[in-house]
Amino acid sequence: MDCTEWLFLRFSESAPHVTLSDQDNYILSGVIDSFGLIELIEQLEFEYKVLFSQDDFQDRRFVTVAGLAAIVKEKLGIQSAN
């Protein structure tokens, strides 16, 4: 499953009442809290066999679905179609 789809599925399960676009800040939107973020990172690392670095957490793209998916794709060596 594409990482963007995976993220939207995960967020819709955790906060079905919130409509989230790929550019919305999922933390500020209330979709996930700090503990949920830790779980999300662990699940992403397991699902996609990637490891996040401290730099990734400081990347401003990290807090949006599109940005986080782009970071994962970069780690997998997949080029974005922008």
N, C-alpha and C. Protein backbone atom coordinates (compact mmCIF):
# COMPACT_ATOMS: atom_id res chain seq x y z
N MET A 1 0.84 -1.18 0.00
CA MET A 1 0.00 0.00 0.00
C MET A 1 0.89 1.24 0.00
N ASP A 2 0.51 2.20 -0.80
CA ASP A 2 1.21 3.48 -0.87
C ASP A 2 1.22 4.13 0.52
N CYS A 3 2.30 4.79 0.86
CA CYS A 3 2.46 5.39 2.18
C CYS A 3 1.39 6.44 2.46
N THR A 4 1.03 7.24 1.47
CA THR A 4 -0.01 8.25 1.66
C THR A 4 -1.33 7.58 2.03
N GLU A 5 -1.70 6.53 1.30
CA GLU A 5 -2.93 5.79 1.60
C GLU A 5 -2.85 5.18 2.99
N TRP A 6 -1.70 4.62 3.33
CA TRP A 6 -1.51 4.00 4.64
C TRP A 6 -1.72 5.02 5.75
N LEU A 7 -1.14 6.21 5.57
CA LEU A 7 -1.28 7.26 6.58
C LEU A 7 -2.74 7.71 6.73
N PHE A 8 -3.43 7.92 5.60
CA PHE A 8 -4.83 8.33 5.68
C PHE A 8 -5.67 7.25 6.37
N LEU A 9 -5.40 6.00 6.08
CA LEU A 9 -6.13 4.91 6.74
C LEU A 9 -5.87 4.94 8.23
N ARG A 10 -4.63 5.08 8.62
CA ARG A 10 -4.26 5.12 10.04
C ARG A 10 -4.95 6.28 10.76
N PHE A 11 -4.93 7.46 10.12
CA PHE A 11 -5.54 8.63 10.75
C PHE A 11 -7.06 8.53 10.79
N SER A 12 -7.67 7.94 9.77
CA SER A 12 -9.13 7.80 9.77
C SER A 12 -9.57 6.81 10.84
N GLU A 13 -8.74 5.83 11.15
CA GLU A 13 -9.05 4.89 12.23
C GLU A 13 -8.93 5.55 13.60
N SER A 14 -7.92 6.39 13.76
CA SER A 14 -7.69 7.00 15.08
C SER A 14 -8.58 8.22 15.33
N ALA A 15 -9.02 8.89 14.26
CA ALA A 15 -9.87 10.08 14.42
C ALA A 15 -10.88 10.15 13.28
N PRO A 16 -11.88 9.28 13.28
CA PRO A 16 -12.83 9.23 12.17
C PRO A 16 -13.65 10.51 12.01
N HIS A 17 -13.72 11.33 13.04
CA HIS A 17 -14.49 12.56 13.02
C HIS A 17 -13.75 13.73 12.36
N VAL A 18 -12.47 13.57 12.04
CA VAL A 18 -11.66 14.65 11.48
C VAL A 18 -11.42 14.40 9.99
N THR A 19 -11.70 15.43 9.19
CA THR A 19 -11.38 15.37 7.77
C THR A 19 -10.03 16.03 7.58
N LEU A 20 -9.10 15.29 7.03
CA LEU A 20 -7.71 15.74 6.93
C LEU A 20 -7.29 15.75 5.47
N SER A 21 -6.69 16.85 5.03
CA SER A 21 -6.11 16.88 3.69
C SER A 21 -4.64 16.49 3.80
N ASP A 22 -4.01 16.24 2.68
CA ASP A 22 -2.61 15.82 2.72
C ASP A 22 -1.66 16.94 3.14
N GLN A 23 -2.16 18.19 3.18
CA GLN A 23 -1.32 19.33 3.58
C GLN A 23 -1.62 19.84 5.00
N ASP A 24 -2.64 19.27 5.65
CA ASP A 24 -2.98 19.68 7.01
C ASP A 24 -1.96 19.14 8.01
N ASN A 25 -1.71 19.92 9.04
CA ASN A 25 -0.84 19.48 10.14
C ASN A 25 -1.65 18.50 10.99
N TYR A 26 -1.28 17.24 10.95
CA TYR A 26 -2.08 16.22 11.64
C TYR A 26 -1.98 16.32 13.16
N ILE A 27 -0.96 16.94 13.67
CA ILE A 27 -0.85 17.13 15.12
C ILE A 27 -1.77 18.27 15.56
N LEU A 28 -1.69 19.42 14.88
CA LEU A 28 -2.53 20.55 15.23
C LEU A 28 -4.01 20.28 14.94
N SER A 29 -4.29 19.38 14.01
CA SER A 29 -5.67 19.02 13.68
C SER A 29 -6.29 18.11 14.73
N GLY A 30 -5.48 17.64 15.67
CA GLY A 30 -5.99 16.79 16.74
C GLY A 30 -6.17 15.33 16.34
N VAL A 31 -5.58 14.94 15.24
CA VAL A 31 -5.70 13.57 14.76
C VAL A 31 -4.83 12.62 15.58
N ILE A 32 -3.77 13.16 16.15
CA ILE A 32 -2.81 12.32 16.86
C ILE A 32 -2.18 13.13 17.99
N ASP A 33 -1.88 12.47 19.09
CA ASP A 33 -1.20 13.13 20.19
C ASP A 33 0.25 12.65 20.23
N SER A 34 1.01 13.08 21.22
CA SER A 34 2.44 12.75 21.26
C SER A 34 2.68 11.25 21.40
N PHE A 35 1.88 10.57 22.19
CA PHE A 35 2.03 9.12 22.32
C PHE A 35 1.66 8.44 21.00
N GLY A 36 0.60 8.90 20.38
CA GLY A 36 0.18 8.36 19.08
C GLY A 36 1.25 8.57 18.02
N LEU A 37 1.96 9.68 18.11
CA LEU A 37 3.03 9.96 17.15
C LEU A 37 4.15 8.95 17.29
N ILE A 38 4.50 8.61 18.52
CA ILE A 38 5.53 7.58 18.75
C ILE A 38 5.08 6.25 18.15
N GLU A 39 3.82 5.89 18.38
CA GLU A 39 3.30 4.65 17.82
C GLU A 39 3.31 4.69 16.29
N LEU A 40 2.93 5.84 15.73
CA LEU A 40 2.92 6.00 14.28
C LEU A 40 4.31 5.78 13.69
N ILE A 41 5.31 6.38 14.30
CA ILE A 41 6.69 6.24 13.82
C ILE A 41 7.12 4.78 13.89
N GLU A 42 6.82 4.11 14.99
CA GLU A 42 7.17 2.70 15.11
C GLU A 42 6.48 1.87 14.02
N GLN A 43 5.21 2.15 13.77
CA GLN A 43 4.47 1.41 12.75
C GLN A 43 5.02 1.67 11.35
N LEU A 44 5.34 2.93 11.08
CA LEU A 44 5.93 3.26 9.77
C LEU A 44 7.28 2.56 9.58
N GLU A 45 8.10 2.59 10.61
CA GLU A 45 9.41 1.93 10.51
C GLU A 45 9.25 0.44 10.27
N PHE A 46 8.29 -0.17 10.92
CA PHE A 46 8.05 -1.61 10.74
C PHE A 46 7.44 -1.89 9.36
N GLU A 47 6.41 -1.15 8.99
CA GLU A 47 5.69 -1.38 7.74
C GLU A 47 6.58 -1.18 6.51
N TYR A 48 7.38 -0.12 6.52
CA TYR A 48 8.17 0.25 5.34
C TYR A 48 9.65 -0.05 5.47
N LYS A 49 10.04 -0.64 6.60
CA LYS A 49 11.45 -1.03 6.82
C LYS A 49 12.39 0.17 6.65
N VAL A 50 12.03 1.27 7.31
CA VAL A 50 12.85 2.48 7.29
C VAL A 50 13.16 2.86 8.73
N LEU A 51 14.14 3.72 8.90
CA LEU A 51 14.48 4.27 10.22
C LEU A 51 14.49 5.78 10.12
N PHE A 52 13.81 6.44 11.04
CA PHE A 52 13.79 7.90 11.07
C PHE A 52 14.95 8.41 11.91
N SER A 53 15.51 9.52 11.49
CA SER A 53 16.61 10.16 12.22
C SER A 53 16.09 11.40 12.92
N GLN A 54 16.91 11.96 13.76
CA GLN A 54 16.56 13.22 14.44
C GLN A 54 16.28 14.30 13.41
N ASP A 55 17.04 14.33 12.33
CA ASP A 55 16.81 15.31 11.27
C ASP A 55 15.42 15.17 10.66
N ASP A 56 14.95 13.94 10.51
CA ASP A 56 13.61 13.72 9.96
C ASP A 56 12.55 14.34 10.85
N PHE A 57 12.70 14.21 12.16
CA PHE A 57 11.72 14.76 13.09
C PHE A 57 11.71 16.29 13.06
N GLN A 58 12.82 16.89 12.67
CA GLN A 58 12.91 18.34 12.60
C GLN A 58 12.55 18.89 11.22
N ASP A 59 12.37 18.01 10.26
CA ASP A 59 11.98 18.40 8.90
C ASP A 59 10.56 18.97 8.96
N ARG A 60 10.35 20.18 8.43
CA ARG A 60 9.02 20.80 8.53
C ARG A 60 7.95 20.04 7.78
N ARG A 61 8.35 19.18 6.85
CA ARG A 61 7.38 18.35 6.12
C ARG A 61 6.81 17.24 6.99
N PHE A 62 7.46 16.94 8.08
CA PHE A 62 7.12 15.79 8.91
C PHE A 62 5.70 15.79 9.45
N VAL A 63 5.09 16.96 9.59
CA VAL A 63 3.78 17.06 10.25
C VAL A 63 2.58 17.04 9.30
N THR A 64 2.82 16.80 8.02
CA THR A 64 1.71 16.66 7.08
C THR A 64 1.76 15.27 6.46
N VAL A 65 0.62 14.79 6.02
CA VAL A 65 0.57 13.47 5.37
C VAL A 65 1.47 13.47 4.14
N ALA A 66 1.34 14.49 3.30
CA ALA A 66 2.14 14.55 2.08
C ALA A 66 3.63 14.60 2.40
N GLY A 67 3.99 15.41 3.39
CA GLY A 67 5.40 15.55 3.77
C GLY A 67 5.97 14.28 4.37
N LEU A 68 5.23 13.67 5.27
CA LEU A 68 5.71 12.44 5.90
C LEU A 68 5.82 11.32 4.87
N ALA A 69 4.85 11.23 3.98
CA ALA A 69 4.92 10.23 2.91
C ALA A 69 6.13 10.48 2.02
N ALA A 70 6.43 11.75 1.73
CA ALA A 70 7.60 12.09 0.91
C ALA A 70 8.89 11.68 1.60
N ILE A 71 8.97 11.88 2.90
CA ILE A 71 10.17 11.48 3.65
C ILE A 71 10.35 9.96 3.58
N VAL A 72 9.25 9.22 3.76
CA VAL A 72 9.33 7.76 3.68
C VAL A 72 9.75 7.34 2.27
N LYS A 73 9.17 7.95 1.26
CA LYS A 73 9.52 7.60 -0.13
C LYS A 73 10.99 7.90 -0.41
N GLU A 74 11.49 9.02 0.11
CA GLU A 74 12.91 9.34 -0.06
C GLU A 74 13.78 8.25 0.58
N LYS A 75 13.39 7.79 1.75
CA LYS A 75 14.14 6.75 2.44
C LYS A 75 14.12 5.44 1.64
N LEU A 76 13.03 5.22 0.92
CA LEU A 76 12.91 4.01 0.10
C LEU A 76 13.54 4.17 -1.28
N GLY A 77 13.99 5.41 -1.59
CA GLY A 77 14.58 5.67 -2.89
C GLY A 77 13.57 5.82 -4.00
N ILE A 78 12.34 6.20 -3.65
CA ILE A 78 11.28 6.39 -4.63
C ILE A 78 11.18 7.88 -4.96
N GLN A 79 11.22 8.19 -6.25
CA GLN A 79 11.12 9.59 -6.68
C GLN A 79 9.69 10.07 -6.63
N SER A 80 9.47 11.30 -6.16
CA SER A 80 8.14 11.92 -6.17
C SER A 80 7.79 12.35 -7.57
N ALA A 81 6.51 12.32 -7.87
CA ALA A 81 6.04 12.78 -9.18
C ALA A 81 5.49 14.19 -9.01
N ASN A 82 6.37 15.16 -8.75
CA ASN A 82 5.94 16.56 -8.57
C ASN A 82 6.19 17.33 -9.83
